[in-house]
Amino acid sequence: MLSVFPAALIVAAINDVYEFKIPNWITAALALAYLPASLAVAAPPAIVLEGVLLGVVTLLISFALYTVKFFGGGDAKLFAATTPWIGIAGLGVFLVNTAIAGMFVAFFLIAFRKTPPLPVYAQAPWLMRLHQRKHDLPYGVAIAVGGLLSFQELPFFQLVYGG
């Protein structure tokens, strides 16, 4: 069950790069898999409840950031679906990892977009979109990288593998 977490994040990141969208089914799968995963690892009810509450609070904060156009809607939902898995104890590491990853994504895209488009981009429409959408940042990539780098901090991971 723990593999749902990295798999969903990887699929979300790929979709965000290719389409500048994170499909709802990915965030729904990530959010809905949280409870079965908690049962699979025999997580104490306190940890499960903490994760659910953290997800709700994060969803509210993420949508507030969406309303001021800091986040896209898909990014807000992905962020909120990720945080229950991370838990309060790993939240700081996750936020730092996500921010650093976001910085690298932004720097890469700035450099990429300053170069002239190559003819090969016509064969890869997603590259052309990535090059042309000057004000868009596929922040789902940063959230995914932050989550993957924080994987060992997951309470469920700790329960299964110790730590």
N, C-alpha and C. Protein backbone atom coordinates (compact mmCIF):
# COMPACT_ATOMS: atom_id res chain seq x y z
N MET A 1 0.81 -1.21 0.00
CA MET A 1 0.00 0.00 0.00
C MET A 1 0.85 1.27 0.00
N LEU A 2 2.06 1.17 0.54
CA LEU A 2 2.91 2.35 0.57
C LEU A 2 3.31 2.81 -0.84
N SER A 3 3.27 1.91 -1.81
CA SER A 3 3.68 2.28 -3.16
C SER A 3 2.68 3.22 -3.84
N VAL A 4 1.47 3.32 -3.32
CA VAL A 4 0.49 4.26 -3.88
C VAL A 4 1.02 5.68 -3.79
N PHE A 5 1.66 6.01 -2.69
CA PHE A 5 2.16 7.37 -2.46
C PHE A 5 3.16 7.79 -3.54
N PRO A 6 4.28 7.08 -3.72
CA PRO A 6 5.21 7.54 -4.77
C PRO A 6 4.64 7.40 -6.17
N ALA A 7 3.86 6.36 -6.42
CA ALA A 7 3.29 6.18 -7.77
C ALA A 7 2.39 7.34 -8.14
N ALA A 8 1.52 7.75 -7.23
CA ALA A 8 0.61 8.87 -7.51
C ALA A 8 1.38 10.16 -7.72
N LEU A 9 2.41 10.38 -6.93
CA LEU A 9 3.20 11.61 -7.08
C LEU A 9 3.93 11.64 -8.43
N ILE A 10 4.47 10.51 -8.83
CA ILE A 10 5.19 10.45 -10.11
C ILE A 10 4.22 10.69 -11.27
N VAL A 11 3.06 10.05 -11.24
CA VAL A 11 2.07 10.24 -12.31
C VAL A 11 1.59 11.69 -12.34
N ALA A 12 1.38 12.28 -11.16
CA ALA A 12 0.95 13.68 -11.10
C ALA A 12 2.00 14.61 -11.71
N ALA A 13 3.27 14.38 -11.38
CA ALA A 13 4.34 15.22 -11.91
C ALA A 13 4.42 15.11 -13.43
N ILE A 14 4.34 13.88 -13.93
CA ILE A 14 4.41 13.68 -15.38
C ILE A 14 3.24 14.38 -16.08
N ASN A 15 2.04 14.23 -15.53
CA ASN A 15 0.88 14.91 -16.12
C ASN A 15 1.03 16.42 -16.07
N ASP A 16 1.57 16.94 -14.99
CA ASP A 16 1.72 18.39 -14.87
C ASP A 16 2.72 18.92 -15.90
N VAL A 17 3.78 18.18 -16.16
CA VAL A 17 4.75 18.61 -17.17
C VAL A 17 4.14 18.53 -18.56
N TYR A 18 3.46 17.44 -18.86
CA TYR A 18 2.92 17.24 -20.20
C TYR A 18 1.71 18.11 -20.52
N GLU A 19 0.85 18.35 -19.52
CA GLU A 19 -0.41 19.02 -19.82
C GLU A 19 -0.70 20.25 -18.96
N PHE A 20 0.17 20.56 -18.01
CA PHE A 20 -0.09 21.61 -17.03
C PHE A 20 -1.39 21.33 -16.29
N LYS A 21 -1.68 20.07 -16.05
CA LYS A 21 -2.87 19.65 -15.31
C LYS A 21 -2.52 18.46 -14.45
N ILE A 22 -3.15 18.40 -13.29
CA ILE A 22 -3.07 17.22 -12.45
C ILE A 22 -4.49 16.69 -12.36
N PRO A 23 -4.74 15.57 -13.03
CA PRO A 23 -6.11 15.04 -13.06
C PRO A 23 -6.64 14.72 -11.66
N ASN A 24 -7.94 14.95 -11.49
CA ASN A 24 -8.57 14.71 -10.19
C ASN A 24 -8.45 13.26 -9.75
N TRP A 25 -8.41 12.32 -10.69
CA TRP A 25 -8.36 10.92 -10.30
C TRP A 25 -7.05 10.60 -9.57
N ILE A 26 -5.98 11.33 -9.88
CA ILE A 26 -4.70 11.08 -9.20
C ILE A 26 -4.79 11.53 -7.75
N THR A 27 -5.28 12.75 -7.53
CA THR A 27 -5.37 13.24 -6.15
C THR A 27 -6.42 12.45 -5.37
N ALA A 28 -7.49 12.04 -6.05
CA ALA A 28 -8.51 11.23 -5.38
C ALA A 28 -7.93 9.87 -4.97
N ALA A 29 -7.16 9.26 -5.87
CA ALA A 29 -6.55 7.97 -5.54
C ALA A 29 -5.59 8.11 -4.36
N LEU A 30 -4.82 9.17 -4.36
CA LEU A 30 -3.87 9.40 -3.26
C LEU A 30 -4.60 9.62 -1.95
N ALA A 31 -5.63 10.43 -1.98
CA ALA A 31 -6.39 10.72 -0.76
C ALA A 31 -7.16 9.49 -0.28
N LEU A 32 -7.81 8.80 -1.19
CA LEU A 32 -8.63 7.64 -0.81
C LEU A 32 -7.79 6.44 -0.37
N ALA A 33 -6.56 6.34 -0.84
CA ALA A 33 -5.70 5.23 -0.45
C ALA A 33 -5.13 5.39 0.96
N TYR A 34 -5.25 6.59 1.50
CA TYR A 34 -4.68 6.85 2.83
C TYR A 34 -5.28 5.93 3.90
N LEU A 35 -6.59 5.79 3.94
CA LEU A 35 -7.21 4.95 4.98
C LEU A 35 -6.90 3.46 4.80
N PRO A 36 -7.01 2.89 3.59
CA PRO A 36 -6.61 1.49 3.45
C PRO A 36 -5.13 1.26 3.79
N ALA A 37 -4.29 2.23 3.44
CA ALA A 37 -2.87 2.10 3.77
C ALA A 37 -2.68 2.12 5.28
N SER A 38 -3.45 2.95 5.97
CA SER A 38 -3.33 2.99 7.44
C SER A 38 -3.73 1.66 8.06
N LEU A 39 -4.74 1.02 7.48
CA LEU A 39 -5.14 -0.31 7.96
C LEU A 39 -4.07 -1.35 7.65
N ALA A 40 -3.47 -1.25 6.47
CA ALA A 40 -2.47 -2.22 6.04
C ALA A 40 -1.23 -2.19 6.93
N VAL A 41 -0.89 -1.01 7.44
CA VAL A 41 0.31 -0.91 8.29
C VAL A 41 -0.05 -0.89 9.77
N ALA A 42 -1.33 -1.09 10.08
CA ALA A 42 -1.82 -1.09 11.48
C ALA A 42 -1.45 0.20 12.20
N ALA A 43 -1.72 1.32 11.54
CA ALA A 43 -1.43 2.63 12.13
C ALA A 43 -2.37 2.90 13.30
N PRO A 44 -1.85 3.47 14.37
CA PRO A 44 -2.71 3.84 15.49
C PRO A 44 -3.74 4.89 15.06
N PRO A 45 -4.94 4.85 15.62
CA PRO A 45 -5.98 5.81 15.24
C PRO A 45 -5.54 7.26 15.37
N ALA A 46 -4.70 7.57 16.34
CA ALA A 46 -4.24 8.95 16.52
C ALA A 46 -3.46 9.44 15.30
N ILE A 47 -2.62 8.59 14.74
CA ILE A 47 -1.85 8.97 13.56
C ILE A 47 -2.78 9.16 12.36
N VAL A 48 -3.75 8.28 12.22
CA VAL A 48 -4.70 8.37 11.11
C VAL A 48 -5.51 9.66 11.22
N LEU A 49 -6.02 9.95 12.40
CA LEU A 49 -6.81 11.16 12.61
C LEU A 49 -5.97 12.41 12.39
N GLU A 50 -4.73 12.37 12.86
CA GLU A 50 -3.83 13.50 12.65
C GLU A 50 -3.64 13.77 11.16
N GLY A 51 -3.46 12.70 10.38
CA GLY A 51 -3.29 12.85 8.94
C GLY A 51 -4.52 13.42 8.27
N VAL A 52 -5.69 12.93 8.66
CA VAL A 52 -6.93 13.43 8.06
C VAL A 52 -7.12 14.91 8.39
N LEU A 53 -6.90 15.27 9.63
CA LEU A 53 -7.04 16.69 10.02
C LEU A 53 -6.02 17.56 9.31
N LEU A 54 -4.80 17.07 9.18
CA LEU A 54 -3.77 17.82 8.47
C LEU A 54 -4.16 18.01 7.00
N GLY A 55 -4.73 16.98 6.40
CA GLY A 55 -5.18 17.09 5.01
C GLY A 55 -6.27 18.13 4.85
N VAL A 56 -7.22 18.17 5.78
CA VAL A 56 -8.32 19.15 5.72
C VAL A 56 -7.77 20.57 5.87
N VAL A 57 -6.90 20.77 6.85
CA VAL A 57 -6.31 22.10 7.07
C VAL A 57 -5.49 22.51 5.85
N THR A 58 -4.72 21.58 5.32
CA THR A 58 -3.90 21.88 4.14
C THR A 58 -4.77 22.20 2.93
N LEU A 59 -5.89 21.51 2.79
CA LEU A 59 -6.79 21.80 1.68
C LEU A 59 -7.32 23.23 1.79
N LEU A 60 -7.69 23.65 2.98
CA LEU A 60 -8.18 25.03 3.17
C LEU A 60 -7.09 26.05 2.86
N ILE A 61 -5.89 25.80 3.35
CA ILE A 61 -4.78 26.72 3.09
C ILE A 61 -4.42 26.73 1.60
N SER A 62 -4.39 25.55 1.00
CA SER A 62 -4.04 25.44 -0.42
C SER A 62 -5.04 26.17 -1.30
N PHE A 63 -6.32 26.04 -0.97
CA PHE A 63 -7.31 26.74 -1.78
C PHE A 63 -7.27 28.25 -1.55
N ALA A 64 -6.86 28.66 -0.36
CA ALA A 64 -6.65 30.10 -0.15
C ALA A 64 -5.50 30.58 -1.05
N LEU A 65 -4.44 29.77 -1.15
CA LEU A 65 -3.33 30.13 -2.03
C LEU A 65 -3.75 30.08 -3.50
N TYR A 66 -4.66 29.19 -3.82
CA TYR A 66 -5.21 29.11 -5.18
C TYR A 66 -6.00 30.38 -5.52
N THR A 67 -6.77 30.88 -4.57
CA THR A 67 -7.59 32.07 -4.84
C THR A 67 -6.74 33.31 -5.11
N VAL A 68 -5.53 33.35 -4.55
CA VAL A 68 -4.64 34.48 -4.82
C VAL A 68 -3.64 34.14 -5.93
N LYS A 69 -3.91 33.03 -6.64
CA LYS A 69 -3.15 32.61 -7.81
C LYS A 69 -1.69 32.27 -7.50
N PHE A 70 -1.46 31.79 -6.27
CA PHE A 70 -0.12 31.32 -5.91
C PHE A 70 0.05 29.87 -6.34
N PHE A 71 -1.03 29.13 -6.32
CA PHE A 71 -1.09 27.71 -6.69
C PHE A 71 -2.13 27.55 -7.78
N GLY A 72 -1.97 26.52 -8.59
CA GLY A 72 -3.05 26.09 -9.47
C GLY A 72 -3.98 25.19 -8.68
N GLY A 73 -5.17 24.96 -9.19
CA GLY A 73 -6.14 24.12 -8.49
C GLY A 73 -5.65 22.69 -8.31
N GLY A 74 -5.02 22.14 -9.34
CA GLY A 74 -4.47 20.78 -9.24
C GLY A 74 -3.36 20.70 -8.23
N ASP A 75 -2.53 21.74 -8.20
CA ASP A 75 -1.44 21.78 -7.21
C ASP A 75 -2.00 21.81 -5.79
N ALA A 76 -3.04 22.61 -5.59
CA ALA A 76 -3.66 22.72 -4.27
C ALA A 76 -4.21 21.38 -3.82
N LYS A 77 -4.89 20.68 -4.72
CA LYS A 77 -5.46 19.38 -4.37
C LYS A 77 -4.37 18.34 -4.14
N LEU A 78 -3.33 18.35 -4.97
CA LEU A 78 -2.23 17.39 -4.79
C LEU A 78 -1.53 17.62 -3.46
N PHE A 79 -1.29 18.89 -3.15
CA PHE A 79 -0.64 19.23 -1.88
C PHE A 79 -1.47 18.72 -0.70
N ALA A 80 -2.77 18.95 -0.76
CA ALA A 80 -3.65 18.52 0.32
C ALA A 80 -3.75 17.00 0.41
N ALA A 81 -3.72 16.32 -0.72
CA ALA A 81 -3.79 14.85 -0.70
C ALA A 81 -2.48 14.22 -0.24
N THR A 82 -1.39 14.96 -0.36
CA THR A 82 -0.07 14.46 0.05
C THR A 82 0.15 14.58 1.55
N THR A 83 -0.31 15.66 2.16
CA THR A 83 0.04 15.93 3.55
C THR A 83 -0.47 14.91 4.57
N PRO A 84 -1.63 14.27 4.38
CA PRO A 84 -1.98 13.24 5.37
C PRO A 84 -0.93 12.13 5.45
N TRP A 85 -0.38 11.78 4.31
CA TRP A 85 0.64 10.74 4.27
C TRP A 85 1.91 11.21 4.98
N ILE A 86 2.23 12.49 4.84
CA ILE A 86 3.46 13.05 5.43
C ILE A 86 3.36 13.14 6.94
N GLY A 87 2.21 13.58 7.44
CA GLY A 87 2.04 13.74 8.88
C GLY A 87 2.68 15.02 9.39
N ILE A 88 2.32 15.38 10.59
CA ILE A 88 2.85 16.62 11.18
C ILE A 88 4.35 16.53 11.41
N ALA A 89 4.81 15.37 11.85
CA ALA A 89 6.24 15.22 12.15
C ALA A 89 7.11 15.42 10.91
N GLY A 90 6.65 15.00 9.75
CA GLY A 90 7.44 15.15 8.53
C GLY A 90 7.11 16.38 7.72
N LEU A 91 6.15 17.19 8.19
CA LEU A 91 5.68 18.33 7.42
C LEU A 91 6.78 19.35 7.14
N GLY A 92 7.61 19.64 8.12
CA GLY A 92 8.69 20.61 7.93
C GLY A 92 9.66 20.17 6.85
N VAL A 93 10.06 18.91 6.89
CA VAL A 93 10.99 18.38 5.89
C VAL A 93 10.33 18.42 4.51
N PHE A 94 9.06 18.04 4.45
CA PHE A 94 8.32 18.06 3.18
C PHE A 94 8.25 19.48 2.62
N LEU A 95 7.92 20.46 3.45
CA LEU A 95 7.80 21.84 2.97
C LEU A 95 9.14 22.36 2.46
N VAL A 96 10.22 22.07 3.17
CA VAL A 96 11.55 22.51 2.74
C VAL A 96 11.93 21.81 1.43
N ASN A 97 11.73 20.50 1.37
CA ASN A 97 12.05 19.77 0.13
C ASN A 97 11.24 20.28 -1.05
N THR A 98 9.97 20.56 -0.83
CA THR A 98 9.10 21.06 -1.90
C THR A 98 9.54 22.46 -2.34
N ALA A 99 9.88 23.31 -1.40
CA ALA A 99 10.33 24.66 -1.75
C ALA A 99 11.64 24.63 -2.54
N ILE A 100 12.56 23.81 -2.12
CA ILE A 100 13.85 23.70 -2.84
C ILE A 100 13.61 23.13 -4.24
N ALA A 101 12.78 22.10 -4.32
CA ALA A 101 12.47 21.52 -5.64
C ALA A 101 11.78 22.56 -6.52
N GLY A 102 10.87 23.33 -5.95
CA GLY A 102 10.20 24.39 -6.70
C GLY A 102 11.17 25.42 -7.24
N MET A 103 12.18 25.74 -6.43
CA MET A 103 13.20 26.69 -6.87
C MET A 103 13.97 26.13 -8.07
N PHE A 104 14.33 24.85 -8.00
CA PHE A 104 15.05 24.23 -9.12
C PHE A 104 14.18 24.16 -10.37
N VAL A 105 12.92 23.81 -10.22
CA VAL A 105 12.00 23.77 -11.36
C VAL A 105 11.89 25.16 -11.99
N ALA A 106 11.74 26.18 -11.15
CA ALA A 106 11.62 27.55 -11.65
C ALA A 106 12.90 27.98 -12.38
N PHE A 107 14.06 27.72 -11.80
CA PHE A 107 15.31 28.11 -12.45
C PHE A 107 15.50 27.38 -13.77
N PHE A 108 15.17 26.09 -13.79
CA PHE A 108 15.29 25.32 -15.02
C PHE A 108 14.38 25.89 -16.11
N LEU A 109 13.12 26.18 -15.74
CA LEU A 109 12.18 26.70 -16.73
C LEU A 109 12.57 28.09 -17.21
N ILE A 110 13.09 28.91 -16.34
CA ILE A 110 13.55 30.24 -16.76
C ILE A 110 14.65 30.09 -17.81
N ALA A 111 15.61 29.23 -17.53
CA ALA A 111 16.71 29.02 -18.48
C ALA A 111 16.20 28.40 -19.78
N PHE A 112 15.31 27.42 -19.66
CA PHE A 112 14.75 26.74 -20.83
C PHE A 112 13.97 27.71 -21.70
N ARG A 113 13.20 28.57 -21.08
CA ARG A 113 12.34 29.50 -21.83
C ARG A 113 13.11 30.66 -22.43
N LYS A 114 14.33 30.91 -21.95
CA LYS A 114 15.15 31.98 -22.52
C LYS A 114 15.85 31.53 -23.81
N THR A 115 15.94 30.22 -24.00
CA THR A 115 16.55 29.73 -25.23
C THR A 115 15.50 29.73 -26.33
N PRO A 116 15.92 29.91 -27.58
CA PRO A 116 14.94 29.87 -28.67
C PRO A 116 14.40 28.44 -28.83
N PRO A 117 13.13 28.33 -29.23
CA PRO A 117 12.58 26.98 -29.42
C PRO A 117 13.30 26.26 -30.56
N LEU A 118 13.58 25.02 -30.35
CA LEU A 118 14.25 24.21 -31.36
C LEU A 118 13.21 23.56 -32.28
N PRO A 119 13.57 23.27 -33.50
CA PRO A 119 12.61 22.64 -34.43
C PRO A 119 12.06 21.31 -33.91
N VAL A 120 12.82 20.61 -33.11
CA VAL A 120 12.37 19.32 -32.58
C VAL A 120 11.14 19.48 -31.66
N TYR A 121 10.94 20.68 -31.12
CA TYR A 121 9.79 20.92 -30.24
C TYR A 121 8.46 20.69 -30.98
N ALA A 122 8.48 20.88 -32.31
CA ALA A 122 7.26 20.66 -33.09
C ALA A 122 6.84 19.19 -33.03
N GLN A 123 7.79 18.29 -32.80
CA GLN A 123 7.50 16.87 -32.69
C GLN A 123 7.04 16.48 -31.28
N ALA A 124 7.21 17.38 -30.34
CA ALA A 124 6.82 17.13 -28.95
C ALA A 124 6.02 18.33 -28.45
N PRO A 125 4.70 18.31 -28.67
CA PRO A 125 3.87 19.47 -28.30
C PRO A 125 3.99 19.85 -26.83
N TRP A 126 4.24 18.88 -25.96
CA TRP A 126 4.38 19.20 -24.54
C TRP A 126 5.60 20.07 -24.30
N LEU A 127 6.68 19.87 -25.07
CA LEU A 127 7.86 20.73 -24.93
C LEU A 127 7.56 22.16 -25.38
N MET A 128 6.79 22.27 -26.45
CA MET A 128 6.42 23.60 -26.94
C MET A 128 5.55 24.32 -25.90
N ARG A 129 4.60 23.58 -25.30
CA ARG A 129 3.76 24.18 -24.24
C ARG A 129 4.62 24.62 -23.07
N LEU A 130 5.54 23.76 -22.68
CA LEU A 130 6.43 24.08 -21.56
C LEU A 130 7.26 25.32 -21.87
N HIS A 131 7.64 25.45 -23.12
CA HIS A 131 8.46 26.60 -23.53
C HIS A 131 7.66 27.88 -23.64
N GLN A 132 6.42 27.78 -24.09
CA GLN A 132 5.64 28.97 -24.41
C GLN A 132 4.85 29.54 -23.24
N ARG A 133 4.48 28.73 -22.29
CA ARG A 133 3.62 29.22 -21.19
C ARG A 133 4.50 29.88 -20.14
N LYS A 134 4.89 31.10 -20.44
CA LYS A 134 5.90 31.83 -19.67
C LYS A 134 5.52 32.07 -18.20
N HIS A 135 4.24 32.14 -17.91
CA HIS A 135 3.82 32.46 -16.55
C HIS A 135 3.35 31.25 -15.77
N ASP A 136 3.44 30.08 -16.37
CA ASP A 136 2.98 28.86 -15.71
C ASP A 136 4.17 28.04 -15.23
N LEU A 137 3.99 27.45 -14.08
CA LEU A 137 5.01 26.60 -13.48
C LEU A 137 4.35 25.30 -13.06
N PRO A 138 4.81 24.16 -13.58
CA PRO A 138 4.21 22.90 -13.17
C PRO A 138 4.66 22.54 -11.75
N TYR A 139 4.02 23.19 -10.76
CA TYR A 139 4.45 23.02 -9.37
C TYR A 139 4.16 21.63 -8.83
N GLY A 140 3.33 20.86 -9.55
CA GLY A 140 3.12 19.48 -9.16
C GLY A 140 4.42 18.70 -9.15
N VAL A 141 5.37 19.10 -10.00
CA VAL A 141 6.69 18.47 -10.02
C VAL A 141 7.40 18.71 -8.69
N ALA A 142 7.35 19.94 -8.21
CA ALA A 142 8.00 20.27 -6.94
C ALA A 142 7.34 19.53 -5.78
N ILE A 143 6.02 19.46 -5.79
CA ILE A 143 5.30 18.75 -4.74
C ILE A 143 5.68 17.27 -4.77
N ALA A 144 5.75 16.71 -5.97
CA ALA A 144 6.12 15.30 -6.10
C ALA A 144 7.54 15.04 -5.62
N VAL A 145 8.46 15.89 -6.03
CA VAL A 145 9.85 15.72 -5.59
C VAL A 145 9.95 15.89 -4.07
N GLY A 146 9.26 16.89 -3.54
CA GLY A 146 9.26 17.09 -2.09
C GLY A 146 8.70 15.88 -1.35
N GLY A 147 7.63 15.31 -1.89
CA GLY A 147 7.04 14.11 -1.28
C GLY A 147 7.95 12.90 -1.37
N LEU A 148 8.56 12.72 -2.55
CA LEU A 148 9.45 11.57 -2.73
C LEU A 148 10.69 11.68 -1.85
N LEU A 149 11.23 12.88 -1.73
CA LEU A 149 12.39 13.07 -0.85
C LEU A 149 12.03 12.91 0.62
N SER A 150 10.75 13.09 0.94
CA SER A 150 10.28 12.98 2.33
C SER A 150 9.68 11.61 2.63
N PHE A 151 9.75 10.70 1.68
CA PHE A 151 9.09 9.39 1.81
C PHE A 151 9.46 8.67 3.10
N GLN A 152 10.73 8.73 3.47
CA GLN A 152 11.17 8.03 4.68
C GLN A 152 10.63 8.68 5.96
N GLU A 153 10.09 9.88 5.83
CA GLU A 153 9.51 10.56 6.99
C GLU A 153 8.05 10.18 7.23
N LEU A 154 7.44 9.50 6.26
CA LEU A 154 6.03 9.12 6.39
C LEU A 154 5.81 8.29 7.65
N PRO A 155 4.78 8.62 8.42
CA PRO A 155 4.49 7.81 9.61
C PRO A 155 4.29 6.34 9.25
N PHE A 156 3.65 6.07 8.12
CA PHE A 156 3.41 4.68 7.71
C PHE A 156 4.74 3.99 7.39
N PHE A 157 5.64 4.70 6.75
CA PHE A 157 6.96 4.16 6.44
C PHE A 157 7.69 3.83 7.75
N GLN A 158 7.60 4.74 8.69
CA GLN A 158 8.24 4.53 10.00
C GLN A 158 7.67 3.30 10.71
N LEU A 159 6.34 3.11 10.60
CA LEU A 159 5.72 1.96 11.22
C LEU A 159 6.17 0.64 10.60
N VAL A 160 6.35 0.66 9.29
CA VAL A 160 6.73 -0.58 8.60
C VAL A 160 8.22 -0.87 8.72
N TYR A 161 9.04 0.16 8.53
CA TYR A 161 10.48 -0.05 8.45
C TYR A 161 11.24 0.46 9.66
N GLY A 162 10.57 1.09 10.59
CA GLY A 162 11.24 1.62 11.77
C GLY A 162 11.94 2.92 11.43
N GLY A 163 12.46 3.55 12.44
CA GLY A 163 13.16 4.78 12.13
C GLY A 163 13.32 5.68 13.24
